[in-house]
C-alpha atoms as a PDB file:
ATOM      1  CA  UNK A   1       0.000   0.000   0.000  1.00  0.00           C
ATOM      2  CA  UNK A   2       1.346   3.448  -0.956  1.00  0.00           C
ATOM      3  CA  UNK A   3       1.427   6.267   1.516  1.00  0.00           C
ATOM      4  CA  UNK A   4       0.000   9.523   0.244  1.00  0.00           C
ATOM      5  CA  UNK A   5       3.098  11.669   0.836  1.00  0.00           C
ATOM      6  CA  UNK A   6       6.579  10.372   0.045  1.00  0.00           C
ATOM      7  CA  UNK A   7       9.458  11.220   2.324  1.00  0.00           C
ATOM      8  CA  UNK A   8      10.703  14.700   1.529  1.00  0.00           C
ATOM      9  CA  UNK A   9      13.684  15.034  -0.760  1.00  0.00           C
ATOM     10  CA  UNK A  10      16.837  16.851   0.251  1.00  0.00           C
ATOM     11  CA  UNK A  11      17.841  20.058  -1.540  1.00  0.00           C
ATOM     12  CA  UNK A  12      20.507  18.132  -3.456  1.00  0.00           C
ATOM     13  CA  UNK A  13      18.028  15.433  -4.462  1.00  0.00           C
ATOM     14  CA  UNK A  14      15.621  18.102  -5.698  1.00  0.00           C
ATOM     15  CA  UNK A  15      18.443  19.706  -7.672  1.00  0.00           C
ATOM     16  CA  UNK A  16      19.362  16.365  -9.262  1.00  0.00           C
ATOM     17  CA  UNK A  17      15.713  15.587  -9.956  1.00  0.00           C
ATOM     18  CA  UNK A  18      15.371  18.872 -11.850  1.00  0.00           C
ATOM     19  CA  UNK A  19      18.491  18.026 -13.883  1.00  0.00           C
ATOM     20  CA  UNK A  20      17.102  14.550 -14.677  1.00  0.00           C
ATOM     21  CA  UNK A  21      13.896  16.276 -15.816  1.00  0.00           C
ATOM     22  CA  UNK A  22      16.050  18.534 -18.025  1.00  0.00           C
ATOM     23  CA  UNK A  23      17.290  15.415 -19.798  1.00  0.00           C
ATOM     24  CA  UNK A  24      20.809  15.216 -18.414  1.00  0.00           C
ATOM     25  CA  UNK A  25      22.507  11.855 -17.965  1.00  0.00           C
ATOM     26  CA  UNK A  26      24.198  10.849 -14.698  1.00  0.00           C
ATOM     27  CA  UNK A  27      27.643  11.747 -16.074  1.00  0.00           C
ATOM     28  CA  UNK A  28      26.441  15.191 -17.195  1.00  0.00           C
ATOM     29  CA  UNK A  29      24.802  15.816 -13.816  1.00  0.00           C
ATOM     30  CA  UNK A  30      28.001  14.776 -12.032  1.00  0.00           C
ATOM     31  CA  UNK A  31      30.090  17.132 -14.153  1.00  0.00           C
ATOM     32  CA  UNK A  32      27.708  20.050 -13.649  1.00  0.00           C
ATOM     33  CA  UNK A  33      27.541  19.585  -9.858  1.00  0.00           C
ATOM     34  CA  UNK A  34      31.216  18.603  -9.514  1.00  0.00           C
ATOM     35  CA  UNK A  35      30.393  15.290  -7.830  1.00  0.00           C
ATOM     36  CA  UNK A  36      31.059  11.690  -8.854  1.00  0.00           C
ATOM     37  CA  UNK A  37      28.748   9.658 -11.069  1.00  0.00           C
ATOM     38  CA  UNK A  38      28.427   7.192  -8.165  1.00  0.00           C
ATOM     39  CA  UNK A  39      27.108  10.006  -5.960  1.00  0.00           C
ATOM     40  CA  UNK A  40      24.520  10.945  -8.602  1.00  0.00           C
ATOM     41  CA  UNK A  41      23.498   7.269  -8.833  1.00  0.00           C
ATOM     42  CA  UNK A  42      23.177   7.078  -5.039  1.00  0.00           C
ATOM     43  CA  UNK A  43      20.969  10.188  -4.949  1.00  0.00           C
ATOM     44  CA  UNK A  44      18.799   8.784  -7.754  1.00  0.00           C
ATOM     45  CA  UNK A  45      18.445   5.454  -5.917  1.00  0.00           C
ATOM     46  CA  UNK A  46      17.550   7.251  -2.667  1.00  0.00           C
ATOM     47  CA  UNK A  47      14.907   9.329  -4.447  1.00  0.00           C
ATOM     48  CA  UNK A  48      13.367   6.265  -6.066  1.00  0.00           C
ATOM     49  CA  UNK A  49      13.253   4.513  -2.692  1.00  0.00           C
ATOM     50  CA  UNK A  50      11.645   7.533  -0.989  1.00  0.00           C
ATOM     51  CA  UNK A  51       9.023   7.925  -3.723  1.00  0.00           C
ATOM     52  CA  UNK A  52       8.565   4.139  -3.978  1.00  0.00           C
ATOM     53  CA  UNK A  53       9.201   3.714  -7.692  1.00  0.00           C
ATOM     54  CA  UNK A  54      11.519   1.458  -9.676  1.00  0.00           C
ATOM     55  CA  UNK A  55      12.664   3.550 -12.641  1.00  0.00           C
ATOM     56  CA  UNK A  56      13.380   7.113 -13.764  1.00  0.00           C
ATOM     57  CA  UNK A  57      10.136   7.502 -15.730  1.00  0.00           C
ATOM     58  CA  UNK A  58       8.073   6.605 -12.653  1.00  0.00           C
ATOM     59  CA  UNK A  59      10.245   8.937 -10.568  1.00  0.00           C
ATOM     60  CA  UNK A  60       9.549  11.869 -12.897  1.00  0.00           C
ATOM     61  CA  UNK A  61       5.834  11.031 -13.055  1.00  0.00           C
ATOM     62  CA  UNK A  62       5.587  10.931  -9.250  1.00  0.00           C
ATOM     63  CA  UNK A  63       7.614  14.153  -9.000  1.00  0.00           C
ATOM     64  CA  UNK A  64       5.186  15.935 -11.333  1.00  0.00           C
ATOM     65  CA  UNK A  65       2.166  14.670  -9.395  1.00  0.00           C
ATOM     66  CA  UNK A  66       3.712  15.766  -6.087  1.00  0.00           C
ATOM     67  CA  UNK A  67       4.817  19.129  -7.474  1.00  0.00           C
ATOM     68  CA  UNK A  68       8.484  18.343  -6.781  1.00  0.00           C
ATOM     69  CA  UNK A  69       9.704  19.573 -10.158  1.00  0.00           C
ATOM     70  CA  UNK A  70       8.824  22.613 -12.196  1.00  0.00           C
ATOM     71  CA  UNK A  71       7.287  21.703 -15.540  1.00  0.00           C
ATOM     72  CA  UNK A  72       7.737  24.516 -18.034  1.00  0.00           C
END
């Protein structure tokens, strides 16, 4: 059973989520934020766990529904 509200995302997770939404790959996100690709992957995995989804498309869909990303 899904809870109505996922755990809140950290500022960094929100930043990475917005970059994923922008179409950047993990390597591009890592370069832009000056962090390792492994760190980006860890943030992505943490976000998917918090939102209770199993892939990036579901993550973005849930983020839109919860108002976590700005759709332009």
